[in-house]
Amino acid sequence: MTELIPGFLWGASTAPHQIEGNNVNSDWWANEPHMPGMARSGDAVDSYHRYPEDMRLLADAGLNSYRFGIEWALSSPPRDTYRRPNSPTTGG
């Protein structure tokens, strides 16, 4: 077997919608047309809460890099929990 060059990064990547699941802070999917064969993420594999286990599995597999994302709606406050600038109700 050919050896990898020193410093070679052997890794994996994931997409938030596919692995986090339970995205209750966004109604984006509710507004999309329902097409045959299209499915919502549902609970997915719950990586949002199980990331420590995921990191261990990646390391145990011998990987030394991981590209991931965080669903923007999960990192933002729920609707109506932040102050909107220049709002008549907050006096901003």
PDB file of N, CA and C in Angstrom:
ATOM      1  N   MET A   1       0.836  -1.180   0.000  1.00  0.00           N
ATOM      2  CA  MET A   1       0.000   0.000   0.000  1.00  0.00           C
ATOM      3  C   MET A   1       0.883   1.246   0.000  1.00  0.00           C
ATOM      4  N   THR A   2       0.505   2.225  -0.763  1.00  0.00           N
ATOM      5  CA  THR A   2       1.232   3.488  -0.817  1.00  0.00           C
ATOM      6  C   THR A   2       0.999   4.265   0.476  1.00  0.00           C
ATOM      7  N   GLU A   3       2.059   4.845   1.018  1.00  0.00           N
ATOM      8  CA  GLU A   3       1.922   5.643   2.234  1.00  0.00           C
ATOM      9  C   GLU A   3       1.471   7.049   1.881  1.00  0.00           C
ATOM     10  N   LEU A   4       0.702   7.635   2.777  1.00  0.00           N
ATOM     11  CA  LEU A   4       0.238   9.009   2.582  1.00  0.00           C
ATOM     12  C   LEU A   4       1.368   9.977   2.897  1.00  0.00           C
ATOM     13  N   ILE A   5       1.335  11.120   2.260  1.00  0.00           N
ATOM     14  CA  ILE A   5       2.355  12.135   2.518  1.00  0.00           C
ATOM     15  C   ILE A   5       2.206  12.654   3.941  1.00  0.00           C
ATOM     16  N   PRO A   6       3.297  13.052   4.588  1.00  0.00           N
ATOM     17  CA  PRO A   6       3.208  13.596   5.940  1.00  0.00           C
ATOM     18  C   PRO A   6       2.264  14.803   5.975  1.00  0.00           C
ATOM     19  N   GLY A   7       1.439  14.870   6.995  1.00  0.00           N
ATOM     20  CA  GLY A   7       0.504  15.977   7.144  1.00  0.00           C
ATOM     21  C   GLY A   7      -0.809  15.791   6.410  1.00  0.00           C
ATOM     22  N   PHE A   8      -0.962  14.659   5.698  1.00  0.00           N
ATOM     23  CA  PHE A   8      -2.206  14.408   4.966  1.00  0.00           C
ATOM     24  C   PHE A   8      -3.370  14.333   5.950  1.00  0.00           C
ATOM     25  N   LEU A   9      -4.449  15.025   5.629  1.00  0.00           N
ATOM     26  CA  LEU A   9      -5.640  15.004   6.481  1.00  0.00           C
ATOM     27  C   LEU A   9      -6.637  13.992   5.929  1.00  0.00           C
ATOM     28  N   TRP A  10      -6.960  13.008   6.739  1.00  0.00           N
ATOM     29  CA  TRP A  10      -7.921  11.979   6.366  1.00  0.00           C
ATOM     30  C   TRP A  10      -9.133  12.199   7.253  1.00  0.00           C
ATOM     31  N   GLY A  11     -10.264  12.575   6.651  1.00  0.00           N
ATOM     32  CA  GLY A  11     -11.382  12.959   7.486  1.00  0.00           C
ATOM     33  C   GLY A  11     -12.742  12.625   6.929  1.00  0.00           C
ATOM     34  N   ALA A  12     -13.725  13.246   7.541  1.00  0.00           N
ATOM     35  CA  ALA A  12     -15.125  13.056   7.173  1.00  0.00           C
ATOM     36  C   ALA A  12     -15.814  14.413   7.214  1.00  0.00           C
ATOM     37  N   SER A  13     -16.985  14.468   6.607  1.00  0.00           N
ATOM     38  CA  SER A  13     -17.773  15.701   6.672  1.00  0.00           C
ATOM     39  C   SER A  13     -19.242  15.337   6.813  1.00  0.00           C
ATOM     40  N   THR A  14     -19.999  16.251   7.379  1.00  0.00           N
ATOM     41  CA  THR A  14     -21.432  16.049   7.572  1.00  0.00           C
ATOM     42  C   THR A  14     -22.168  17.344   7.260  1.00  0.00           C
ATOM     43  N   ALA A  15     -23.468  17.227   7.103  1.00  0.00           N
ATOM     44  CA  ALA A  15     -24.330  18.391   6.880  1.00  0.00           C
ATOM     45  C   ALA A  15     -25.347  18.452   8.020  1.00  0.00           C
ATOM     46  N   PRO A  16     -25.571  19.637   8.595  1.00  0.00           N
ATOM     47  CA  PRO A  16     -26.441  19.760   9.761  1.00  0.00           C
ATOM     48  C   PRO A  16     -27.826  19.130   9.592  1.00  0.00           C
ATOM     49  N   HIS A  17     -28.494  19.424   8.495  1.00  0.00           N
ATOM     50  CA  HIS A  17     -29.850  18.907   8.319  1.00  0.00           C
ATOM     51  C   HIS A  17     -29.870  17.385   8.344  1.00  0.00           C
ATOM     52  N   GLN A  18     -28.821  16.769   7.858  1.00  0.00           N
ATOM     53  CA  GLN A  18     -28.794  15.312   7.756  1.00  0.00           C
ATOM     54  C   GLN A  18     -28.473  14.612   9.068  1.00  0.00           C
ATOM     55  N   ILE A  19     -27.773  15.267   9.988  1.00  0.00           N
ATOM     56  CA  ILE A  19     -27.349  14.551  11.194  1.00  0.00           C
ATOM     57  C   ILE A  19     -27.874  15.114  12.511  1.00  0.00           C
ATOM     58  N   GLU A  20     -28.267  16.400  12.556  1.00  0.00           N
ATOM     59  CA  GLU A  20     -28.705  16.973  13.826  1.00  0.00           C
ATOM     60  C   GLU A  20     -30.128  16.570  14.179  1.00  0.00           C
ATOM     61  N   GLY A  21     -31.044  16.770  13.247  1.00  0.00           N
ATOM     62  CA  GLY A  21     -32.438  16.425  13.488  1.00  0.00           C
ATOM     63  C   GLY A  21     -33.141  17.375  14.438  1.00  0.00           C
ATOM     64  N   ASN A  22     -34.447  17.201  14.541  1.00  0.00           N
ATOM     65  CA  ASN A  22     -35.300  17.926  15.483  1.00  0.00           C
ATOM     66  C   ASN A  22     -35.120  19.433  15.413  1.00  0.00           C
ATOM     67  N   ASN A  23     -35.118  19.975  14.224  1.00  0.00           N
ATOM     68  CA  ASN A  23     -34.943  21.415  14.045  1.00  0.00           C
ATOM     69  C   ASN A  23     -36.278  22.124  14.257  1.00  0.00           C
ATOM     70  N   VAL A  24     -36.564  22.456  15.514  1.00  0.00           N
ATOM     71  CA  VAL A  24     -37.851  23.075  15.845  1.00  0.00           C
ATOM     72  C   VAL A  24     -37.823  24.598  15.736  1.00  0.00           C
ATOM     73  N   ASN A  25     -36.651  25.194  15.545  1.00  0.00           N
ATOM     74  CA  ASN A  25     -36.561  26.653  15.469  1.00  0.00           C
ATOM     75  C   ASN A  25     -36.737  27.196  14.065  1.00  0.00           C
ATOM     76  N   SER A  26     -36.962  26.336  13.101  1.00  0.00           N
ATOM     77  CA  SER A  26     -37.134  26.788  11.726  1.00  0.00           C
ATOM     78  C   SER A  26     -38.349  26.110  11.117  1.00  0.00           C
ATOM     79  N   ASP A  27     -39.157  26.903  10.413  1.00  0.00           N
ATOM     80  CA  ASP A  27     -40.308  26.329   9.720  1.00  0.00           C
ATOM     81  C   ASP A  27     -40.053  26.260   8.213  1.00  0.00           C
ATOM     82  N   TRP A  28     -38.788  26.315   7.824  1.00  0.00           N
ATOM     83  CA  TRP A  28     -38.434  26.315   6.410  1.00  0.00           C
ATOM     84  C   TRP A  28     -39.034  25.123   5.689  1.00  0.00           C
ATOM     85  N   TRP A  29     -38.896  23.922   6.265  1.00  0.00           N
ATOM     86  CA  TRP A  29     -39.411  22.730   5.602  1.00  0.00           C
ATOM     87  C   TRP A  29     -40.925  22.754   5.501  1.00  0.00           C
ATOM     88  N   ALA A  30     -41.616  23.364   6.444  1.00  0.00           N
ATOM     89  CA  ALA A  30     -43.078  23.425   6.389  1.00  0.00           C
ATOM     90  C   ALA A  30     -43.542  24.249   5.201  1.00  0.00           C
ATOM     91  N   ASN A  31     -42.722  25.185   4.752  1.00  0.00           N
ATOM     92  CA  ASN A  31     -43.091  26.050   3.635  1.00  0.00           C
ATOM     93  C   ASN A  31     -42.660  25.504   2.282  1.00  0.00           C
ATOM     94  N   GLU A  32     -41.899  24.441   2.279  1.00  0.00           N
ATOM     95  CA  GLU A  32     -41.463  23.837   1.023  1.00  0.00           C
ATOM     96  C   GLU A  32     -42.580  22.974   0.452  1.00  0.00           C
ATOM     97  N   PRO A  33     -42.673  22.905  -0.865  1.00  0.00           N
ATOM     98  CA  PRO A  33     -43.671  21.999  -1.451  1.00  0.00           C
ATOM     99  C   PRO A  33     -43.338  20.553  -1.088  1.00  0.00           C
ATOM    100  N   HIS A  34     -44.354  19.795  -0.802  1.00  0.00           N
ATOM    101  CA  HIS A  34     -44.144  18.389  -0.452  1.00  0.00           C
ATOM    102  C   HIS A  34     -44.045  17.582  -1.736  1.00  0.00           C
ATOM    103  N   MET A  35     -42.865  17.074  -1.993  1.00  0.00           N
ATOM    104  CA  MET A  35     -42.593  16.344  -3.227  1.00  0.00           C
ATOM    105  C   MET A  35     -42.453  14.857  -2.912  1.00  0.00           C
ATOM    106  N   PRO A  36     -42.887  13.998  -3.808  1.00  0.00           N
ATOM    107  CA  PRO A  36     -42.714  12.560  -3.585  1.00  0.00           C
ATOM    108  C   PRO A  36     -41.237  12.218  -3.382  1.00  0.00           C
ATOM    109  N   GLY A  37     -40.975  11.405  -2.385  1.00  0.00           N
ATOM    110  CA  GLY A  37     -39.603  10.980  -2.126  1.00  0.00           C
ATOM    111  C   GLY A  37     -38.816  11.923  -1.234  1.00  0.00           C
ATOM    112  N   MET A  38     -39.340  13.092  -0.932  1.00  0.00           N
ATOM    113  CA  MET A  38     -38.643  14.042  -0.063  1.00  0.00           C
ATOM    114  C   MET A  38     -39.073  13.785   1.381  1.00  0.00           C
ATOM    115  N   ALA A  39     -38.123  13.784   2.293  1.00  0.00           N
ATOM    116  CA  ALA A  39     -38.432  13.509   3.691  1.00  0.00           C
ATOM    117  C   ALA A  39     -37.836  14.583   4.585  1.00  0.00           C
ATOM    118  N   ARG A  40     -38.501  14.854   5.678  1.00  0.00           N
ATOM    119  CA  ARG A  40     -37.954  15.768   6.684  1.00  0.00           C
ATOM    120  C   ARG A  40     -36.881  15.024   7.481  1.00  0.00           C
ATOM    121  N   SER A  41     -36.064  15.772   8.183  1.00  0.00           N
ATOM    122  CA  SER A  41     -34.973  15.124   8.912  1.00  0.00           C
ATOM    123  C   SER A  41     -35.463  14.381  10.146  1.00  0.00           C
ATOM    124  N   GLY A  42     -36.584  14.782  10.709  1.00  0.00           N
ATOM    125  CA  GLY A  42     -37.059  14.112  11.923  1.00  0.00           C
ATOM    126  C   GLY A  42     -35.999  14.172  13.008  1.00  0.00           C
ATOM    127  N   ASP A  43     -35.794  13.067  13.673  1.00  0.00           N
ATOM    128  CA  ASP A  43     -34.785  13.021  14.728  1.00  0.00           C
ATOM    129  C   ASP A  43     -33.380  12.815  14.175  1.00  0.00           C
ATOM    130  N   ALA A  44     -33.266  12.420  12.916  1.00  0.00           N
ATOM    131  CA  ALA A  44     -31.966  12.135  12.290  1.00  0.00           C
ATOM    132  C   ALA A  44     -31.156  11.235  13.228  1.00  0.00           C
ATOM    133  N   VAL A  45     -29.881  11.517  13.438  1.00  0.00           N
ATOM    134  CA  VAL A  45     -29.075  10.722  14.367  1.00  0.00           C
ATOM    135  C   VAL A  45     -28.735  11.520  15.622  1.00  0.00           C
ATOM    136  N   ASP A  46     -29.384  12.675  15.787  1.00  0.00           N
ATOM    137  CA  ASP A  46     -29.267  13.514  16.989  1.00  0.00           C
ATOM    138  C   ASP A  46     -27.833  13.913  17.310  1.00  0.00           C
ATOM    139  N   SER A  47     -27.066  14.218  16.287  1.00  0.00           N
ATOM    140  CA  SER A  47     -25.682  14.625  16.509  1.00  0.00           C
ATOM    141  C   SER A  47     -25.587  15.937  17.284  1.00  0.00           C
ATOM    142  N   TYR A  48     -26.640  16.736  17.265  1.00  0.00           N
ATOM    143  CA  TYR A  48     -26.639  17.998  18.014  1.00  0.00           C
ATOM    144  C   TYR A  48     -26.365  17.728  19.495  1.00  0.00           C
ATOM    145  N   HIS A  49     -26.876  16.615  20.019  1.00  0.00           N
ATOM    146  CA  HIS A  49     -26.667  16.266  21.422  1.00  0.00           C
ATOM    147  C   HIS A  49     -25.613  15.172  21.613  1.00  0.00           C
ATOM    148  N   ARG A  50     -25.323  14.406  20.557  1.00  0.00           N
ATOM    149  CA  ARG A  50     -24.417  13.268  20.690  1.00  0.00           C
ATOM    150  C   ARG A  50     -23.038  13.544  20.092  1.00  0.00           C
ATOM    151  N   TYR A  51     -22.697  14.811  19.892  1.00  0.00           N
ATOM    152  CA  TYR A  51     -21.425  15.128  19.233  1.00  0.00           C
ATOM    153  C   TYR A  51     -20.196  14.562  19.949  1.00  0.00           C
ATOM    154  N   PRO A  52     -20.170  14.475  21.297  1.00  0.00           N
ATOM    155  CA  PRO A  52     -18.962  13.890  21.906  1.00  0.00           C
ATOM    156  C   PRO A  52     -18.739  12.437  21.455  1.00  0.00           C
ATOM    157  N   GLU A  53     -19.828  11.686  21.373  1.00  0.00           N
ATOM    158  CA  GLU A  53     -19.724  10.303  20.901  1.00  0.00           C
ATOM    159  C   GLU A  53     -19.285  10.273  19.434  1.00  0.00           C
ATOM    160  N   ASP A  54     -19.825  11.190  18.639  1.00  0.00           N
ATOM    161  CA  ASP A  54     -19.439  11.268  17.223  1.00  0.00           C
ATOM    162  C   ASP A  54     -17.944  11.546  17.077  1.00  0.00           C
ATOM    163  N   MET A  55     -17.417  12.472  17.888  1.00  0.00           N
ATOM    164  CA  MET A  55     -15.985  12.797  17.830  1.00  0.00           C
ATOM    165  C   MET A  55     -15.145  11.570  18.186  1.00  0.00           C
ATOM    166  N   ARG A  56     -15.586  10.824  19.192  1.00  0.00           N
ATOM    167  CA  ARG A  56     -14.850   9.621  19.592  1.00  0.00           C
ATOM    168  C   ARG A  56     -14.855   8.584  18.467  1.00  0.00           C
ATOM    169  N   LEU A  57     -16.008   8.412  17.819  1.00  0.00           N
ATOM    170  CA  LEU A  57     -16.098   7.453  16.715  1.00  0.00           C
ATOM    171  C   LEU A  57     -15.170   7.841  15.565  1.00  0.00           C
ATOM    172  N   LEU A  58     -15.097   9.133  15.267  1.00  0.00           N
ATOM    173  CA  LEU A  58     -14.199   9.600  14.205  1.00  0.00           C
ATOM    174  C   LEU A  58     -12.741   9.313  14.565  1.00  0.00           C
ATOM    175  N   ALA A  59     -12.377   9.624  15.811  1.00  0.00           N
ATOM    176  CA  ALA A  59     -10.999   9.380  16.255  1.00  0.00           C
ATOM    177  C   ALA A  59     -10.691   7.885  16.264  1.00  0.00           C
ATOM    178  N   ASP A  60     -11.640   7.079  16.735  1.00  0.00           N
ATOM    179  CA  ASP A  60     -11.436   5.628  16.768  1.00  0.00           C
ATOM    180  C   ASP A  60     -11.266   5.049  15.361  1.00  0.00           C
ATOM    181  N   ALA A  61     -11.852   5.711  14.372  1.00  0.00           N
ATOM    182  CA  ALA A  61     -11.716   5.262  12.981  1.00  0.00           C
ATOM    183  C   ALA A  61     -10.385   5.701  12.372  1.00  0.00           C
ATOM    184  N   GLY A  62      -9.590   6.462  13.140  1.00  0.00           N
ATOM    185  CA  GLY A  62      -8.284   6.895  12.651  1.00  0.00           C
ATOM    186  C   GLY A  62      -8.317   8.179  11.840  1.00  0.00           C
ATOM    187  N   LEU A  63      -9.450   8.878  11.867  1.00  0.00           N
ATOM    188  CA  LEU A  63      -9.546  10.132  11.116  1.00  0.00           C
ATOM    189  C   LEU A  63      -8.900  11.257  11.916  1.00  0.00           C
ATOM    190  N   ASN A  64      -8.306  12.213  11.206  1.00  0.00           N
ATOM    191  CA  ASN A  64      -7.651  13.326  11.893  1.00  0.00           C
ATOM    192  C   ASN A  64      -8.222  14.684  11.492  1.00  0.00           C
ATOM    193  N   SER A  65      -9.374  14.680  10.816  1.00  0.00           N
ATOM    194  CA  SER A  65     -10.035  15.950  10.492  1.00  0.00           C
ATOM    195  C   SER A  65     -11.534  15.702  10.333  1.00  0.00           C
ATOM    196  N   TYR A  66     -12.301  16.749  10.589  1.00  0.00           N
ATOM    197  CA  TYR A  66     -13.759  16.651  10.515  1.00  0.00           C
ATOM    198  C   TYR A  66     -14.315  18.008  10.134  1.00  0.00           C
ATOM    199  N   ARG A  67     -15.071  18.054   9.040  1.00  0.00           N
ATOM    200  CA  ARG A  67     -15.728  19.286   8.604  1.00  0.00           C
ATOM    201  C   ARG A  67     -17.203  19.148   8.935  1.00  0.00           C
ATOM    202  N   PHE A  68     -17.714  20.079   9.747  1.00  0.00           N
ATOM    203  CA  PHE A  68     -19.110  20.019  10.136  1.00  0.00           C
ATOM    204  C   PHE A  68     -19.716  21.410  10.108  1.00  0.00           C
ATOM    205  N   GLY A  69     -21.008  21.462  10.173  1.00  0.00           N
ATOM    206  CA  GLY A  69     -21.727  22.726  10.260  1.00  0.00           C
ATOM    207  C   GLY A  69     -22.731  22.641  11.390  1.00  0.00           C
ATOM    208  N   ILE A  70     -23.232  23.788  11.788  1.00  0.00           N
ATOM    209  CA  ILE A  70     -24.280  23.856  12.804  1.00  0.00           C
ATOM    210  C   ILE A  70     -25.470  24.549  12.176  1.00  0.00           C
ATOM    211  N   GLU A  71     -26.626  23.946  12.267  1.00  0.00           N
ATOM    212  CA  GLU A  71     -27.845  24.518  11.701  1.00  0.00           C
ATOM    213  C   GLU A  71     -28.066  25.910  12.285  1.00  0.00           C
ATOM    214  N   TRP A  72     -28.160  26.917  11.416  1.00  0.00           N
ATOM    215  CA  TRP A  72     -28.273  28.307  11.871  1.00  0.00           C
ATOM    216  C   TRP A  72     -29.470  28.491  12.789  1.00  0.00           C
ATOM    217  N   ALA A  73     -30.583  27.818  12.521  1.00  0.00           N
ATOM    218  CA  ALA A  73     -31.784  28.006  13.335  1.00  0.00           C
ATOM    219  C   ALA A  73     -31.612  27.439  14.740  1.00  0.00           C
ATOM    220  N   LEU A  74     -30.726  26.475  14.917  1.00  0.00           N
ATOM    221  CA  LEU A  74     -30.472  25.942  16.251  1.00  0.00           C
ATOM    222  C   LEU A  74     -29.514  26.821  17.038  1.00  0.00           C
ATOM    223  N   SER A  75     -28.743  27.633  16.354  1.00  0.00           N
ATOM    224  CA  SER A  75     -27.806  28.510  17.047  1.00  0.00           C
ATOM    225  C   SER A  75     -28.389  29.902  17.274  1.00  0.00           C
ATOM    226  N   SER A  76     -29.576  30.157  16.748  1.00  0.00           N
ATOM    227  CA  SER A  76     -30.256  31.441  16.921  1.00  0.00           C
ATOM    228  C   SER A  76     -31.319  31.308  18.003  1.00  0.00           C
ATOM    229  N   PRO A  77     -31.672  32.408  18.651  1.00  0.00           N
ATOM    230  CA  PRO A  77     -32.733  32.315  19.658  1.00  0.00           C
ATOM    231  C   PRO A  77     -34.068  31.995  18.999  1.00  0.00           C
ATOM    232  N   PRO A  78     -34.960  31.330  19.733  1.00  0.00           N
ATOM    233  CA  PRO A  78     -36.294  31.079  19.189  1.00  0.00           C
ATOM    234  C   PRO A  78     -36.984  32.389  18.824  1.00  0.00           C
ATOM    235  N   ARG A  79     -37.903  32.310  17.908  1.00  0.00           N
ATOM    236  CA  ARG A  79     -38.642  33.484  17.439  1.00  0.00           C
ATOM    237  C   ARG A  79     -39.237  34.260  18.619  1.00  0.00           C
ATOM    238  N   ASP A  80     -39.195  35.567  18.534  1.00  0.00           N
ATOM    239  CA  ASP A  80     -39.775  36.490  19.519  1.00  0.00           C
ATOM    240  C   ASP A  80     -39.103  36.447  20.892  1.00  0.00           C
ATOM    241  N   THR A  81     -37.865  35.979  20.987  1.00  0.00           N
ATOM    242  CA  THR A  81     -37.171  36.010  22.270  1.00  0.00           C
ATOM    243  C   THR A  81     -36.037  37.020  22.277  1.00  0.00           C
ATOM    244  N   TYR A  82     -35.904  37.781  21.220  1.00  0.00           N
ATOM    245  CA  TYR A  82     -34.864  38.797  21.169  1.00  0.00           C
ATOM    246  C   TYR A  82     -35.505  40.142  20.858  1.00  0.00           C
ATOM    247  N   ARG A  83     -34.811  41.186  21.186  1.00  0.00           N
ATOM    248  CA  ARG A  83     -35.328  42.535  20.985  1.00  0.00           C
ATOM    249  C   ARG A  83     -35.079  42.973  19.553  1.00  0.00           C
ATOM    250  N   ARG A  84     -36.108  43.395  18.893  1.00  0.00           N
ATOM    251  CA  ARG A  84     -35.974  43.886  17.525  1.00  0.00           C
ATOM    252  C   ARG A  84     -35.674  45.379  17.559  1.00  0.00           C
ATOM    253  N   PRO A  85     -34.693  45.829  16.794  1.00  0.00           N
ATOM    254  CA  PRO A  85     -34.374  47.260  16.770  1.00  0.00           C
ATOM    255  C   PRO A  85     -35.563  48.084  16.283  1.00  0.00           C
ATOM    256  N   ASN A  86     -35.728  49.243  16.854  1.00  0.00           N
ATOM    257  CA  ASN A  86     -36.776  50.193  16.468  1.00  0.00           C
ATOM    258  C   ASN A  86     -38.183  49.606  16.554  1.00  0.00           C
ATOM    259  N   SER A  87     -38.373  48.695  17.484  1.00  0.00           N
ATOM    260  CA  SER A  87     -39.690  48.095  17.660  1.00  0.00           C
ATOM    261  C   SER A  87     -40.556  48.992  18.538  1.00  0.00           C
ATOM    262  N   PRO A  88     -41.820  49.223  18.160  1.00  0.00           N
ATOM    263  CA  PRO A  88     -42.692  50.054  18.996  1.00  0.00           C
ATOM    264  C   PRO A  88     -42.963  49.418  20.354  1.00  0.00           C
ATOM    265  N   THR A  89     -42.837  48.092  20.470  1.00  0.00           N
ATOM    266  CA  THR A  89     -43.117  47.442  21.751  1.00  0.00           C
ATOM    267  C   THR A  89     -41.917  47.438  22.685  1.00  0.00           C
ATOM    268  N   THR A  90     -40.710  47.622  22.164  1.00  0.00           N
ATOM    269  CA  THR A  90     -39.531  47.627  23.026  1.00  0.00           C
ATOM    270  C   THR A  90     -38.927  49.020  23.167  1.00  0.00           C
ATOM    271  N   GLY A  91     -39.477  49.969  22.433  1.00  0.00           N
ATOM    272  CA  GLY A  91     -38.987  51.336  22.544  1.00  0.00           C
ATOM    273  C   GLY A  91     -37.618  51.541  21.945  1.00  0.00           C
ATOM    274  N   GLY A  92     -37.163  50.604  21.132  1.00  0.00           N
ATOM    275  CA  GLY A  92     -35.823  50.676  20.556  1.00  0.00           C
ATOM    276  C   GLY A  92     -35.750  51.706  19.506  1.00  0.00           C
TER     277      GLY A  92
END
